[in-house]
N, C-alpha and C. Protein backbone atom coordinates (compact mmCIF):
# COMPACT_ATOMS: atom_id res chain seq x y z
N UNK A 1 -6.14 3.89 -14.33
CA UNK A 1 -6.18 2.39 -14.56
C UNK A 1 -6.21 1.73 -13.08
N UNK A 2 -6.83 0.64 -12.92
CA UNK A 2 -7.00 -0.08 -11.65
C UNK A 2 -5.60 -0.87 -11.41
N UNK A 3 -5.40 -1.34 -10.39
CA UNK A 3 -4.17 -2.14 -9.82
C UNK A 3 -4.33 -3.45 -10.96
N UNK A 4 -5.44 -4.00 -10.97
CA UNK A 4 -5.48 -5.32 -11.68
C UNK A 4 -5.14 -5.02 -13.25
N UNK A 5 -5.64 -3.80 -13.69
CA UNK A 5 -5.31 -3.44 -15.33
C UNK A 5 -3.81 -3.23 -15.33
N UNK A 6 -3.05 -2.62 -14.35
CA UNK A 6 -1.86 -2.27 -14.56
C UNK A 6 -1.14 -3.71 -14.41
N UNK A 7 -1.44 -4.71 -13.45
CA UNK A 7 -0.60 -5.58 -13.48
C UNK A 7 -0.78 -6.64 -14.64
N UNK A 8 -2.14 -6.52 -15.37
CA UNK A 8 -2.22 -7.28 -16.56
C UNK A 8 -1.28 -6.76 -17.78
N UNK A 9 -1.49 -5.55 -17.85
CA UNK A 9 -0.51 -4.62 -18.95
C UNK A 9 0.95 -5.08 -18.67
N UNK A 10 1.51 -5.18 -17.43
CA UNK A 10 2.89 -5.38 -17.19
C UNK A 10 3.19 -7.01 -17.50
N UNK A 11 2.05 -7.70 -17.18
CA UNK A 11 2.41 -9.18 -17.54
C UNK A 11 2.42 -9.36 -18.88
N UNK A 12 1.31 -8.71 -19.73
CA UNK A 12 1.20 -8.76 -21.29
C UNK A 12 2.71 -8.32 -21.76
N UNK A 13 3.32 -7.25 -21.30
CA UNK A 13 4.51 -6.85 -21.93
C UNK A 13 5.50 -7.76 -21.71
N UNK A 14 5.61 -8.10 -20.55
CA UNK A 14 6.74 -9.17 -20.28
C UNK A 14 6.54 -10.51 -21.34
N UNK A 15 5.21 -10.96 -21.46
CA UNK A 15 5.01 -12.17 -22.26
C UNK A 15 5.53 -11.78 -23.74
N UNK A 16 5.01 -10.75 -24.14
CA UNK A 16 5.23 -10.23 -25.57
C UNK A 16 6.85 -9.86 -25.77
N UNK A 17 7.61 -9.70 -24.91
CA UNK A 17 9.09 -9.42 -24.87
C UNK A 17 9.24 -8.09 -25.27
N UNK A 18 8.55 -7.11 -24.66
CA UNK A 18 8.48 -5.54 -24.85
C UNK A 18 9.92 -5.18 -24.15
N UNK A 19 10.26 -4.13 -24.63
CA UNK A 19 11.71 -3.44 -23.95
C UNK A 19 11.24 -3.12 -22.56
N UNK A 20 10.29 -2.42 -22.38
CA UNK A 20 9.94 -1.94 -21.10
C UNK A 20 8.36 -1.77 -20.66
N UNK A 21 7.99 -1.94 -19.57
CA UNK A 21 6.57 -1.49 -19.33
C UNK A 21 6.48 -0.42 -18.28
N UNK A 22 5.89 0.81 -18.71
CA UNK A 22 5.98 1.98 -18.06
C UNK A 22 4.81 2.19 -17.28
N UNK A 23 4.81 2.32 -15.97
CA UNK A 23 3.85 2.46 -15.04
C UNK A 23 4.06 3.65 -14.04
N UNK A 24 3.14 3.84 -13.25
CA UNK A 24 3.13 4.89 -12.17
C UNK A 24 4.03 4.28 -11.05
N UNK A 25 4.64 5.20 -10.12
CA UNK A 25 5.50 4.56 -9.22
C UNK A 25 4.68 3.84 -8.21
N UNK A 26 3.51 4.08 -8.01
CA UNK A 26 2.89 3.29 -7.01
C UNK A 26 2.55 1.71 -7.29
N UNK A 27 2.75 1.39 -8.21
CA UNK A 27 2.53 0.26 -8.81
C UNK A 27 3.87 -0.76 -8.91
N UNK A 28 5.12 0.04 -8.76
CA UNK A 28 6.32 -0.54 -9.28
C UNK A 28 6.71 -1.91 -8.14
N UNK A 29 6.42 -1.59 -6.93
CA UNK A 29 6.75 -2.86 -6.05
C UNK A 29 6.08 -3.91 -6.35
N UNK A 30 4.78 -3.98 -6.65
CA UNK A 30 3.74 -5.13 -6.87
C UNK A 30 4.20 -5.86 -8.35
N UNK A 31 4.68 -4.84 -9.27
CA UNK A 31 4.80 -5.31 -10.55
C UNK A 31 6.42 -5.98 -10.94
N UNK A 32 7.11 -5.56 -10.07
CA UNK A 32 8.37 -6.15 -10.19
C UNK A 32 8.70 -7.67 -10.56
N UNK A 33 7.84 -8.35 -9.74
CA UNK A 33 7.83 -9.81 -9.88
C UNK A 33 7.42 -10.34 -11.18
N UNK A 34 6.55 -9.58 -11.98
CA UNK A 34 5.91 -9.87 -13.26
C UNK A 34 7.02 -9.72 -14.42
N UNK A 35 8.08 -8.91 -14.30
CA UNK A 35 8.99 -8.78 -15.20
C UNK A 35 10.41 -9.60 -14.93
N UNK A 36 10.56 -10.22 -13.49
CA UNK A 36 11.72 -10.96 -13.21
C UNK A 36 11.91 -12.02 -13.95
N UNK A 37 13.09 -12.36 -14.58
CA UNK A 37 13.52 -13.31 -15.33
C UNK A 37 12.99 -12.94 -16.82
N UNK A 38 12.75 -11.78 -17.12
CA UNK A 38 12.47 -11.48 -18.54
C UNK A 38 13.31 -10.37 -19.10
N UNK A 39 13.24 -10.28 -20.52
CA UNK A 39 14.00 -8.86 -20.76
C UNK A 39 13.34 -7.76 -20.75
N UNK A 40 12.30 -7.79 -20.24
CA UNK A 40 11.40 -6.38 -20.23
C UNK A 40 11.82 -5.94 -18.79
N UNK A 41 11.86 -4.52 -19.11
CA UNK A 41 12.42 -3.65 -17.87
C UNK A 41 11.28 -3.00 -17.29
N UNK A 42 11.10 -2.73 -15.94
CA UNK A 42 10.14 -2.04 -15.52
C UNK A 42 10.51 -0.69 -15.33
N UNK A 43 9.69 0.28 -16.07
CA UNK A 43 9.92 1.63 -16.10
C UNK A 43 8.88 2.39 -15.52
N UNK A 44 9.33 3.52 -14.62
CA UNK A 44 8.39 4.38 -14.12
C UNK A 44 8.55 5.83 -14.53
N UNK A 45 7.51 6.66 -14.15
CA UNK A 45 7.55 7.91 -14.36
C UNK A 45 7.89 8.60 -13.17
N UNK A 46 8.77 9.85 -13.24
CA UNK A 46 9.13 10.69 -12.10
C UNK A 46 8.58 12.03 -12.23
N UNK A 47 7.83 12.32 -11.22
CA UNK A 47 7.29 13.65 -11.26
C UNK A 47 6.37 14.01 -12.48
N UNK A 48 5.54 12.83 -12.58
CA UNK A 48 4.44 12.90 -13.48
C UNK A 48 3.21 13.33 -12.79
N UNK A 49 2.21 14.04 -13.46
CA UNK A 49 2.30 14.66 -14.86
C UNK A 49 2.87 16.20 -15.14
N UNK A 50 3.28 16.69 -13.99
CA UNK A 50 3.50 18.40 -14.14
C UNK A 50 5.00 18.55 -14.65
N UNK A 51 6.00 17.75 -13.94
CA UNK A 51 7.35 17.99 -14.01
C UNK A 51 7.80 19.13 -13.32
N UNK A 52 7.13 19.70 -12.46
CA UNK A 52 7.36 20.94 -11.93
C UNK A 52 8.32 20.90 -10.49
N UNK A 53 8.47 19.60 -10.06
CA UNK A 53 9.14 19.44 -8.54
C UNK A 53 10.75 20.02 -8.94
N UNK A 54 11.26 20.37 -7.57
CA UNK A 54 12.58 20.49 -7.51
C UNK A 54 13.49 19.26 -7.79
N UNK A 55 14.83 19.70 -8.04
CA UNK A 55 15.57 18.62 -8.37
C UNK A 55 15.84 17.60 -7.16
N UNK A 56 15.71 18.24 -6.00
CA UNK A 56 15.77 17.29 -4.72
C UNK A 56 14.58 16.41 -4.65
N UNK A 57 13.41 16.98 -5.10
CA UNK A 57 12.16 16.10 -4.83
C UNK A 57 12.23 15.03 -6.01
N UNK A 58 12.85 15.37 -6.95
CA UNK A 58 12.76 14.48 -8.24
C UNK A 58 13.81 13.20 -7.84
N UNK A 59 14.88 13.67 -7.30
CA UNK A 59 15.83 12.54 -6.85
C UNK A 59 15.24 11.64 -5.57
N UNK A 60 14.37 12.30 -4.66
CA UNK A 60 13.66 11.53 -3.60
C UNK A 60 12.95 10.51 -4.29
N UNK A 61 12.24 10.83 -5.36
CA UNK A 61 11.26 10.03 -5.80
C UNK A 61 12.08 8.89 -6.65
N UNK A 62 13.27 9.24 -7.14
CA UNK A 62 13.88 8.33 -7.97
C UNK A 62 14.58 7.20 -6.99
N UNK A 63 14.94 7.61 -5.88
CA UNK A 63 15.62 6.70 -4.85
C UNK A 63 14.51 5.76 -4.60
N UNK A 64 13.11 6.33 -3.99
CA UNK A 64 12.07 5.44 -3.69
C UNK A 64 11.84 4.40 -4.73
N UNK A 65 11.66 4.82 -6.07
CA UNK A 65 11.29 3.98 -6.96
C UNK A 65 12.36 2.71 -7.28
N UNK A 66 13.65 3.32 -7.29
CA UNK A 66 14.60 2.44 -7.42
C UNK A 66 14.61 1.28 -6.21
N UNK A 67 14.38 1.64 -5.16
CA UNK A 67 14.17 0.60 -4.01
C UNK A 67 12.93 -0.24 -4.37
N UNK A 68 12.02 0.45 -5.02
CA UNK A 68 10.82 -0.62 -5.09
C UNK A 68 10.93 -1.48 -6.27
N UNK A 69 11.98 -1.31 -7.21
CA UNK A 69 12.30 -2.24 -8.15
C UNK A 69 12.27 -1.55 -9.57
N UNK A 70 12.34 -0.23 -9.69
CA UNK A 70 12.40 0.52 -11.20
C UNK A 70 13.62 0.13 -11.71
N UNK A 71 13.62 -0.11 -13.14
CA UNK A 71 14.76 -0.65 -13.96
C UNK A 71 14.91 0.34 -14.84
N UNK A 72 14.00 1.45 -15.02
CA UNK A 72 14.29 2.39 -16.34
C UNK A 72 13.35 3.81 -15.79
N UNK A 73 13.86 4.88 -15.93
CA UNK A 73 13.07 6.03 -15.42
C UNK A 73 12.73 6.94 -16.67
N UNK A 74 11.69 7.52 -16.47
CA UNK A 74 11.06 8.54 -17.49
C UNK A 74 10.75 9.85 -16.64
N UNK A 75 11.75 10.82 -16.53
CA UNK A 75 11.37 11.93 -15.67
C UNK A 75 11.13 13.01 -16.43
N UNK A 76 9.94 13.66 -15.92
CA UNK A 76 9.00 14.62 -16.44
C UNK A 76 9.61 15.98 -16.16
N UNK A 77 9.74 16.77 -16.90
CA UNK A 77 9.98 18.23 -16.71
C UNK A 77 9.14 19.22 -17.57
N UNK A 78 8.70 20.18 -16.91
CA UNK A 78 7.93 21.22 -17.34
C UNK A 78 8.81 22.37 -18.14
N UNK A 79 8.04 22.16 -19.50
CA UNK A 79 8.75 23.25 -20.28
C UNK A 79 8.69 24.84 -19.85
N UNK A 80 7.62 25.20 -18.88
CA UNK A 80 7.60 26.56 -18.06
C UNK A 80 8.79 26.52 -17.13
N UNK A 81 9.17 25.38 -16.32
CA UNK A 81 10.17 25.47 -15.57
C UNK A 81 11.40 25.65 -16.07
N UNK A 82 11.74 24.91 -17.13
CA UNK A 82 12.81 25.19 -17.96
C UNK A 82 13.25 26.46 -18.39
N UNK A 83 12.08 27.25 -18.73
CA UNK A 83 12.36 28.50 -19.27
C UNK A 83 12.63 29.47 -18.19
N UNK A 84 11.91 29.31 -17.16
CA UNK A 84 12.06 30.38 -15.94
C UNK A 84 13.06 30.00 -15.06
N UNK A 85 13.39 28.79 -14.88
CA UNK A 85 14.49 28.55 -13.75
C UNK A 85 15.89 28.65 -14.27
N UNK A 86 16.02 28.53 -15.67
CA UNK A 86 17.37 28.65 -16.24
C UNK A 86 18.19 27.68 -16.29
N UNK A 87 19.39 27.64 -16.53
CA UNK A 87 20.49 26.68 -16.85
C UNK A 87 20.92 26.09 -15.42
N UNK A 88 20.85 26.93 -14.67
CA UNK A 88 21.49 26.53 -13.20
C UNK A 88 20.44 25.42 -12.49
N UNK A 89 19.31 25.63 -12.72
CA UNK A 89 18.30 24.54 -12.41
C UNK A 89 18.58 23.38 -13.12
N UNK A 90 18.64 23.43 -14.60
CA UNK A 90 18.86 22.25 -15.31
C UNK A 90 20.21 21.59 -15.12
N UNK A 91 21.24 22.22 -15.00
CA UNK A 91 22.52 21.79 -14.78
C UNK A 91 22.47 20.87 -13.22
N UNK A 92 21.98 21.53 -12.41
CA UNK A 92 21.73 20.88 -10.97
C UNK A 92 20.87 19.57 -11.23
N UNK A 93 19.66 19.47 -11.90
CA UNK A 93 18.84 18.56 -11.99
C UNK A 93 19.56 17.39 -12.75
N UNK A 94 20.24 17.77 -14.00
CA UNK A 94 20.72 16.43 -14.66
C UNK A 94 21.89 16.04 -14.24
N UNK A 95 22.88 16.76 -13.43
CA UNK A 95 23.95 16.26 -12.53
C UNK A 95 23.22 15.40 -11.34
N UNK A 96 22.33 15.73 -10.85
CA UNK A 96 21.63 14.82 -9.60
C UNK A 96 20.98 13.55 -10.34
N UNK A 97 20.24 13.83 -11.44
CA UNK A 97 19.74 12.65 -12.10
C UNK A 97 20.73 11.59 -12.59
N UNK A 98 21.71 12.09 -13.09
CA UNK A 98 22.67 11.18 -13.66
C UNK A 98 23.37 10.35 -12.64
N UNK A 99 23.84 11.13 -11.58
CA UNK A 99 24.44 10.51 -10.44
C UNK A 99 23.64 9.73 -9.56
N UNK A 100 22.44 9.76 -9.45
CA UNK A 100 21.45 9.27 -8.55
C UNK A 100 20.63 8.10 -9.19
N UNK A 101 20.82 8.01 -10.26
CA UNK A 101 19.95 7.10 -11.30
C UNK A 101 20.50 5.73 -11.25
N UNK A 102 21.78 5.69 -10.78
CA UNK A 102 22.53 4.34 -10.77
C UNK A 102 22.85 3.72 -12.20
N UNK A 103 22.98 4.49 -13.20
CA UNK A 103 23.27 4.27 -14.60
C UNK A 103 22.35 3.36 -15.11
N UNK A 104 20.89 3.54 -14.73
CA UNK A 104 20.01 2.57 -15.34
C UNK A 104 19.37 3.52 -16.54
N UNK A 105 18.63 3.02 -17.56
CA UNK A 105 18.18 3.78 -18.46
C UNK A 105 17.19 5.01 -17.95
N UNK A 106 17.85 6.18 -18.45
CA UNK A 106 16.85 7.53 -17.94
C UNK A 106 16.71 8.23 -19.09
N UNK A 107 15.26 8.72 -19.18
CA UNK A 107 14.88 9.54 -20.25
C UNK A 107 14.22 10.76 -19.58
N UNK A 108 14.31 12.07 -20.28
CA UNK A 108 13.62 13.11 -19.81
C UNK A 108 12.64 13.37 -20.56
N UNK A 109 11.41 13.73 -20.20
CA UNK A 109 10.38 13.96 -20.85
C UNK A 109 9.85 15.44 -20.81
N UNK A 110 9.74 16.45 -21.71
CA UNK A 110 9.26 17.72 -21.67
C UNK A 110 7.80 17.55 -21.98
N UNK A 111 7.06 17.91 -20.60
CA UNK A 111 5.51 17.79 -20.69
C UNK A 111 4.98 18.90 -21.22
N UNK A 112 5.06 19.00 -22.29
CA UNK A 112 4.42 20.32 -23.35
C UNK A 112 2.74 20.25 -22.90
N UNK A 113 2.38 19.51 -22.81
CA UNK A 113 0.73 19.46 -22.46
C UNK A 113 0.41 19.49 -21.12
N UNK A 114 1.21 19.61 -20.11
CA UNK A 114 1.06 19.83 -18.57
C UNK A 114 0.82 21.29 -18.59
């Protein structure tokens, strides 16, 4: 989608009172003003679409998007990575995500089509 299309969709979501408008990280900074003063949260995806980044890379992206104005996070996770990396990877990832997401809504999506 183009910048204009994304901004139009975020504007519409806020006008309609949607719970959240989920957009790619590069659009968050510009879109935050469109949801300001509305109940609509600005959501973004982390490590989309593959979900194969390290926990530290995911946390770096979280910090950047929170600074840009994200109010909800959808974190992508590769099913192949969850199977091969094991519980240590998942324990570290979830500990970092929960600690570093500043208690904003956080969802983890298993990207089974990736």
